Structures are given as structure tokens and as C-alpha cells.
Amino acid sequence: TTTTTATTTITTTAPQRDSYACLTEEDCYKMSQVLNYPSLATSITFPTKGCYSKNGKAYFSLGSTEESMSKEILPGRQERIWCDGRE
């Protein structure tokens, strides 16, 4: 999907059929290691839920629903870390 506004073009790619969000801290940690992130920061107070990266670091925050932890499009420079290794 490509969305173009007067000043910005955003292209998003839907997850592959076998992609799934890392829903546990353990799974997120394992994928962060596979993807060579130096550490995993965790907190239930992070506003973004689930497993994601930002500025070369990995983060995990437990959400109340699978949907909140699986959102594909995240704010700012955050990117979802998928448990199939795709980022």
C-alpha cells in the first residue's frame, strides 16, 4: 500500500502469511538476539505494546490484547519485530 500526501510518501508492506508478532518477552528477546540488537528493554508502561525496535534498540511491553501487541504500523521510528525474523 502506498499513501501520498502533499509532502510525504509512506509505503507499507503487509506481513507475510507466516509472520506473527512476538507476544512474549522470551520470544521478543530471542528475536532481538537473532537480529543483533544489543539488549532488550522491557516495561509495562511503554506506550507501544509488543516487541519492536527504535533507534537500534529492541523493546517489549506487555499489552492487554494480541491486537495491541501486533499492530503493524507503529508511530515515529518504531518498527515491529516479527517472530519470523522479519523486521
N, C-alpha and C. Protein backbone atom coordinates (compact mmCIF):
# COMPACT_ATOMS: atom_id res chain seq x y z
N THR A 1 0.85 -1.18 0.00
CA THR A 1 0.00 0.00 0.00
C THR A 1 0.88 1.23 0.00
N THR A 2 0.59 2.22 -0.85
CA THR A 2 1.34 3.47 -0.88
C THR A 2 0.38 4.61 -0.66
N THR A 3 0.69 5.48 0.30
CA THR A 3 -0.12 6.65 0.59
C THR A 3 0.73 7.88 0.35
N THR A 4 0.23 8.83 -0.45
CA THR A 4 1.00 10.03 -0.75
C THR A 4 0.20 11.25 -0.32
N THR A 5 0.84 12.13 0.44
CA THR A 5 0.25 13.41 0.78
C THR A 5 1.07 14.48 0.09
N ALA A 6 0.79 15.71 0.36
CA ALA A 6 1.49 16.82 -0.29
C ALA A 6 2.99 16.75 -0.06
N THR A 7 3.43 16.24 1.09
CA THR A 7 4.86 16.26 1.39
C THR A 7 5.44 14.90 1.76
N THR A 8 4.61 13.88 1.94
CA THR A 8 5.12 12.61 2.45
C THR A 8 4.57 11.43 1.66
N THR A 9 5.44 10.47 1.37
CA THR A 9 5.00 9.20 0.79
C THR A 9 5.34 8.11 1.79
N ILE A 10 4.34 7.31 2.13
CA ILE A 10 4.52 6.21 3.08
C ILE A 10 4.17 4.92 2.38
N THR A 11 5.10 3.97 2.37
CA THR A 11 4.84 2.67 1.78
C THR A 11 4.86 1.63 2.89
N THR A 12 3.83 0.82 2.96
CA THR A 12 3.77 -0.23 3.96
C THR A 12 3.67 -1.57 3.28
N THR A 13 4.19 -2.59 3.93
CA THR A 13 4.14 -3.94 3.41
C THR A 13 3.40 -4.80 4.42
N ALA A 14 2.37 -5.47 3.98
CA ALA A 14 1.62 -6.35 4.87
C ALA A 14 2.51 -7.52 5.29
N PRO A 15 2.33 -8.02 6.51
CA PRO A 15 3.13 -9.16 6.95
C PRO A 15 2.91 -10.35 6.04
N GLN A 16 3.96 -11.15 5.90
CA GLN A 16 3.82 -12.38 5.12
C GLN A 16 2.84 -13.28 5.85
N ARG A 17 2.26 -14.19 5.14
CA ARG A 17 1.23 -15.05 5.72
C ARG A 17 1.73 -15.80 6.96
N ASP A 18 2.99 -16.17 7.00
CA ASP A 18 3.52 -16.92 8.14
C ASP A 18 4.16 -16.00 9.18
N SER A 19 4.01 -14.69 9.05
CA SER A 19 4.54 -13.75 10.02
C SER A 19 3.61 -13.66 11.21
N TYR A 20 4.20 -13.47 12.37
CA TYR A 20 3.40 -13.24 13.56
C TYR A 20 4.22 -12.40 14.53
N ALA A 21 3.54 -11.59 15.28
CA ALA A 21 4.21 -10.73 16.25
C ALA A 21 4.69 -11.56 17.43
N CYS A 22 5.84 -11.20 17.97
CA CYS A 22 6.33 -11.84 19.19
C CYS A 22 5.45 -11.37 20.34
N LEU A 23 4.77 -12.28 21.00
CA LEU A 23 3.80 -11.91 22.03
C LEU A 23 4.29 -12.15 23.45
N THR A 24 5.49 -12.70 23.60
CA THR A 24 6.04 -12.90 24.94
C THR A 24 7.41 -12.23 25.01
N GLU A 25 7.79 -11.87 26.21
CA GLU A 25 9.11 -11.28 26.41
C GLU A 25 10.21 -12.24 25.97
N GLU A 26 10.03 -13.52 26.26
CA GLU A 26 11.03 -14.53 25.88
C GLU A 26 11.21 -14.60 24.36
N ASP A 27 10.09 -14.64 23.62
CA ASP A 27 10.18 -14.68 22.16
C ASP A 27 10.81 -13.40 21.61
N CYS A 28 10.44 -12.27 22.20
CA CYS A 28 10.99 -10.98 21.76
C CYS A 28 12.51 -10.96 22.01
N TYR A 29 12.93 -11.44 23.17
CA TYR A 29 14.36 -11.48 23.47
C TYR A 29 15.11 -12.35 22.46
N LYS A 30 14.56 -13.53 22.16
CA LYS A 30 15.21 -14.44 21.20
C LYS A 30 15.36 -13.77 19.84
N MET A 31 14.29 -13.12 19.35
CA MET A 31 14.36 -12.47 18.05
C MET A 31 15.28 -11.26 18.08
N SER A 32 15.32 -10.54 19.19
CA SER A 32 16.22 -9.39 19.27
C SER A 32 17.67 -9.85 19.18
N GLN A 33 17.97 -11.04 19.72
CA GLN A 33 19.32 -11.59 19.62
C GLN A 33 19.62 -12.03 18.18
N VAL A 34 18.65 -12.69 17.53
CA VAL A 34 18.82 -13.10 16.13
C VAL A 34 19.09 -11.89 15.25
N LEU A 35 18.40 -10.78 15.54
CA LEU A 35 18.54 -9.56 14.75
C LEU A 35 19.68 -8.66 15.22
N ASN A 36 20.47 -9.16 16.16
CA ASN A 36 21.68 -8.48 16.65
C ASN A 36 21.45 -7.17 17.39
N TYR A 37 20.33 -7.07 18.10
CA TYR A 37 20.15 -5.92 18.98
C TYR A 37 20.95 -6.17 20.25
N PRO A 38 21.61 -5.14 20.79
CA PRO A 38 22.49 -5.34 21.93
C PRO A 38 21.77 -5.68 23.23
N SER A 39 20.50 -5.30 23.36
CA SER A 39 19.77 -5.57 24.60
C SER A 39 18.28 -5.47 24.32
N LEU A 40 17.49 -5.82 25.32
CA LEU A 40 16.04 -5.72 25.24
C LEU A 40 15.55 -4.95 26.45
N ALA A 41 14.96 -3.80 26.23
CA ALA A 41 14.38 -3.01 27.33
C ALA A 41 12.92 -3.43 27.48
N THR A 42 12.48 -3.64 28.71
CA THR A 42 11.10 -4.04 28.95
C THR A 42 10.44 -3.15 29.99
N SER A 43 9.16 -2.90 29.81
CA SER A 43 8.37 -2.14 30.77
C SER A 43 6.90 -2.25 30.39
N ILE A 44 6.04 -2.34 31.36
CA ILE A 44 4.61 -2.35 31.05
C ILE A 44 4.10 -0.94 30.78
N THR A 45 4.93 0.06 31.06
CA THR A 45 4.49 1.45 30.88
C THR A 45 4.84 2.04 29.52
N PHE A 46 5.59 1.32 28.67
CA PHE A 46 5.86 1.85 27.32
C PHE A 46 4.52 2.01 26.61
N PRO A 47 4.30 3.13 25.92
CA PRO A 47 3.01 3.32 25.24
C PRO A 47 2.79 2.35 24.08
N THR A 48 3.84 1.98 23.37
CA THR A 48 3.72 0.99 22.29
C THR A 48 3.82 -0.39 22.93
N LYS A 49 2.91 -1.28 22.55
CA LYS A 49 2.86 -2.62 23.14
C LYS A 49 3.44 -3.64 22.18
N GLY A 50 3.98 -4.72 22.75
CA GLY A 50 4.54 -5.80 21.96
C GLY A 50 6.04 -5.65 21.81
N CYS A 51 6.58 -6.29 20.79
CA CYS A 51 8.01 -6.34 20.51
C CYS A 51 8.31 -5.43 19.33
N TYR A 52 9.20 -4.48 19.53
CA TYR A 52 9.51 -3.53 18.47
C TYR A 52 10.91 -2.96 18.65
N SER A 53 11.38 -2.27 17.63
CA SER A 53 12.70 -1.64 17.69
C SER A 53 12.56 -0.15 17.44
N LYS A 54 13.55 0.57 17.93
CA LYS A 54 13.63 2.01 17.71
C LYS A 54 15.07 2.43 17.92
N ASN A 55 15.62 3.13 16.93
CA ASN A 55 16.98 3.66 17.03
C ASN A 55 18.01 2.61 17.43
N GLY A 56 17.92 1.42 16.83
CA GLY A 56 18.91 0.38 17.07
C GLY A 56 18.78 -0.38 18.37
N LYS A 57 17.65 -0.24 19.06
CA LYS A 57 17.42 -0.96 20.31
C LYS A 57 16.09 -1.70 20.22
N ALA A 58 15.99 -2.80 20.95
CA ALA A 58 14.75 -3.60 20.98
C ALA A 58 14.00 -3.32 22.28
N TYR A 59 12.67 -3.36 22.17
CA TYR A 59 11.80 -3.08 23.31
C TYR A 59 10.67 -4.09 23.36
N PHE A 60 10.18 -4.35 24.59
CA PHE A 60 9.00 -5.19 24.76
C PHE A 60 8.14 -4.60 25.86
N SER A 61 6.85 -4.48 25.57
CA SER A 61 5.88 -4.04 26.56
C SER A 61 4.64 -4.89 26.43
N LEU A 62 4.26 -5.53 27.52
CA LEU A 62 3.11 -6.42 27.52
C LEU A 62 1.84 -5.61 27.34
N GLY A 63 1.02 -6.00 26.38
CA GLY A 63 -0.25 -5.33 26.11
C GLY A 63 -1.40 -6.15 26.64
N SER A 64 -2.57 -5.56 26.64
CA SER A 64 -3.74 -6.26 27.17
C SER A 64 -4.38 -7.18 26.14
N THR A 65 -4.07 -6.96 24.84
CA THR A 65 -4.63 -7.82 23.80
C THR A 65 -3.56 -8.17 22.77
N GLU A 66 -3.80 -9.28 22.07
CA GLU A 66 -2.90 -9.67 20.98
C GLU A 66 -2.89 -8.59 19.90
N GLU A 67 -4.05 -7.99 19.65
CA GLU A 67 -4.14 -6.94 18.64
C GLU A 67 -3.25 -5.75 18.98
N SER A 68 -3.25 -5.33 20.25
CA SER A 68 -2.42 -4.18 20.63
C SER A 68 -0.93 -4.48 20.50
N MET A 69 -0.57 -5.76 20.59
CA MET A 69 0.83 -6.16 20.51
C MET A 69 1.25 -6.56 19.10
N SER A 70 0.30 -6.49 18.15
CA SER A 70 0.57 -6.94 16.78
C SER A 70 0.37 -5.85 15.74
N LYS A 71 0.09 -4.63 16.16
CA LYS A 71 -0.10 -3.56 15.19
C LYS A 71 1.11 -3.46 14.29
N GLU A 72 0.87 -3.43 12.99
CA GLU A 72 1.99 -3.40 12.05
C GLU A 72 2.58 -2.00 11.92
N ILE A 73 1.74 -0.99 11.85
CA ILE A 73 2.23 0.37 11.68
C ILE A 73 2.35 1.02 13.04
N LEU A 74 3.57 1.40 13.39
CA LEU A 74 3.86 2.00 14.69
C LEU A 74 4.27 3.46 14.51
N PRO A 75 4.15 4.25 15.57
CA PRO A 75 4.48 5.67 15.45
C PRO A 75 5.98 5.94 15.32
N GLY A 76 6.29 7.05 14.69
CA GLY A 76 7.68 7.53 14.61
C GLY A 76 8.61 6.53 13.97
N ARG A 77 9.75 6.33 14.61
CA ARG A 77 10.80 5.44 14.07
C ARG A 77 10.68 4.01 14.56
N GLN A 78 9.60 3.69 15.24
CA GLN A 78 9.42 2.35 15.76
C GLN A 78 9.06 1.38 14.64
N GLU A 79 9.60 0.17 14.73
CA GLU A 79 9.29 -0.89 13.77
C GLU A 79 8.99 -2.16 14.53
N ARG A 80 7.91 -2.84 14.13
CA ARG A 80 7.54 -4.11 14.76
C ARG A 80 8.62 -5.14 14.50
N ILE A 81 8.96 -5.94 15.50
CA ILE A 81 9.84 -7.09 15.32
C ILE A 81 8.93 -8.31 15.21
N TRP A 82 9.04 -9.02 14.11
CA TRP A 82 8.20 -10.19 13.85
C TRP A 82 8.96 -11.45 14.24
N CYS A 83 8.27 -12.43 14.79
CA CYS A 83 8.93 -13.65 15.24
C CYS A 83 9.35 -14.59 14.12
N ASP A 84 9.12 -14.22 12.88
CA ASP A 84 9.68 -15.00 11.79
C ASP A 84 11.02 -14.40 11.34
N GLY A 85 11.49 -13.38 12.08
CA GLY A 85 12.77 -12.76 11.78
C GLY A 85 12.69 -11.53 10.92
N ARG A 86 11.51 -11.27 10.35
CA ARG A 86 11.35 -10.07 9.53
C ARG A 86 11.17 -8.88 10.46
N GLU A 87 11.78 -7.78 10.09
CA GLU A 87 11.62 -6.57 10.90
C GLU A 87 10.95 -5.50 10.08
